Amino acid sequence: IRTSDKKTNKQQQQQQINRRRGNSKESVSSSSSSAVNDDNDLINSKNSISSSSNDNDNDLIQYHMVFSTSCSSFQDWQAYMFFHSAYKVGQKGTVTRIASGCNKAQEATLKKNHKEKISILSDQFYLHFTPEFSGTHESEKDYQETKYFNKPYGLLHYMEHVLGYPSAKNAHDDSIIMIVDPDMMLLKPIVHTFDNYPKTYWRRTPRPIINEVTHGNPIAQAYMYGPKWLTSLKGSVKNVVPPKSPVLKMTTKDAGLYYPAGPPYIATCRDMYQIAVHWVQFLPKIRDVFKGMMAEMHGYSTAAAHLNLPHQLSEKFMISNVGSSQEGWDFLKSISREDSCQPDLNSNDEIKNEMPFVLHYCQRYALGRWFAGKYQVPTELFTCQAPLLRVPPRDVAVLYDWFIYPNNQEMEDYAKK
């Protein structure tokens, strides 16, 4: 519930600019990074990596973390949990819930709840309202088919109405923006420099590893759709992007190495604004060809590739699917089963560095008869009338090596493996 954003003072802004546009000549890719203006002309914007970074440097950079939601009670409790996790880990900068499509009654309720339950955690936690953007694509009337349009359209609305883009770009271009999902919880603060992050956690590509977000160098979690964002267009790429777009000459190899990105997305505000502009431009056209739920993420990849913004991807920023070997579960190897549910990050720097940044609880989780699934959480969870959820014992990982889902049909016995 904010109409303006706090500005950094001139000294901090100059420190940011000097840092992010330093004298380093190190090339970050085989080709120069580019941005695209409204006339779709490629603009050269070569960038460099700063030679050093530390926590003090992070303090000089303004962070803006955002996540997109509807106005439903289902996403109210998710938003509450996300804000609490940001408070608990000490996330720096602003954290904003972008709520799209609220009617007057819903807006009043969200404002009241935010004031009473969220803003008391931090004066940097905000709520921003936007119109409903699902269904804006005229050939898709079903909300379920277009509900994820709210993420890119809501992001653009936020950057224009809160940060003041494009007219106020000089105040924010060097700041960092982070996009997460509401069904995520922060496990540690997200930053823009990753000096202590294990090198093996980065996706290997022909170019050197880039462990800092700078202009032209976004960083994100690698998702498993590979080059499908490009191949799913089935030869209709020319109907999505303009004639001079780099996407038209993109190889499937590069499409899979640099662009199958997903939350957390981390970029400079300058780069993310350009991505948002083209994300909303391309998404309806992509939906003409590809009707799947992933169209929204494919739109992000297409926008980034069009702008020649290859991402440094990590497969370890997130944990979600317990059966995946390409997520950040490696930290468990350094922890006993007794401590696996509550690892002590302060006593072990190795575990702290290996710990993923977010839990994306979009899956079902079970151990023994204990079960967690977001669709089973009562929507009235944060009312006085709702019963409290039972908390499993801390040593639950020791007690069970099997699980049975509540349906009594799906189960697994790890002792047999």
Foldseek 3Di string as FASTA:
>chain_A
DDQEDDFDDPVLLVVLVCQQQDPDPDFFDPDFFWFADPVRDTDGDHGDHGPDDDPVNQVSAAEEEEAEDELALLLVVLQLQQLVLCLVQVADHAYEYEYEADDPVSVVVVVVCCVVRRCVSDVRYYYHYDYQDFCVLVVDNDSVLGNVLCGLVSVLVCCCRYVNPPVNCSRFQSHKYWYAYSLKGFPHYDTFAQPPADPVQWQDDPGDFDRGAHVLEKAAAADDPFLCLLCLLVPCVCVQDPPVFQSVVDDSNLSRRFFNGDPRIMHGPNVVNSLSVQLSSRLSVQCVRDRDPCSSSSSSSSSCRRSRRGYTYGQEQEDEDPPDPSYLPVLCVVPDLLCPQPPDCVVDVVSVSSHHGMYNHCDWDWWAADIDHSVPQDSVQPDPPDDDDDDDDSNSSVVTQKGAYPVNPDIDHNVVD
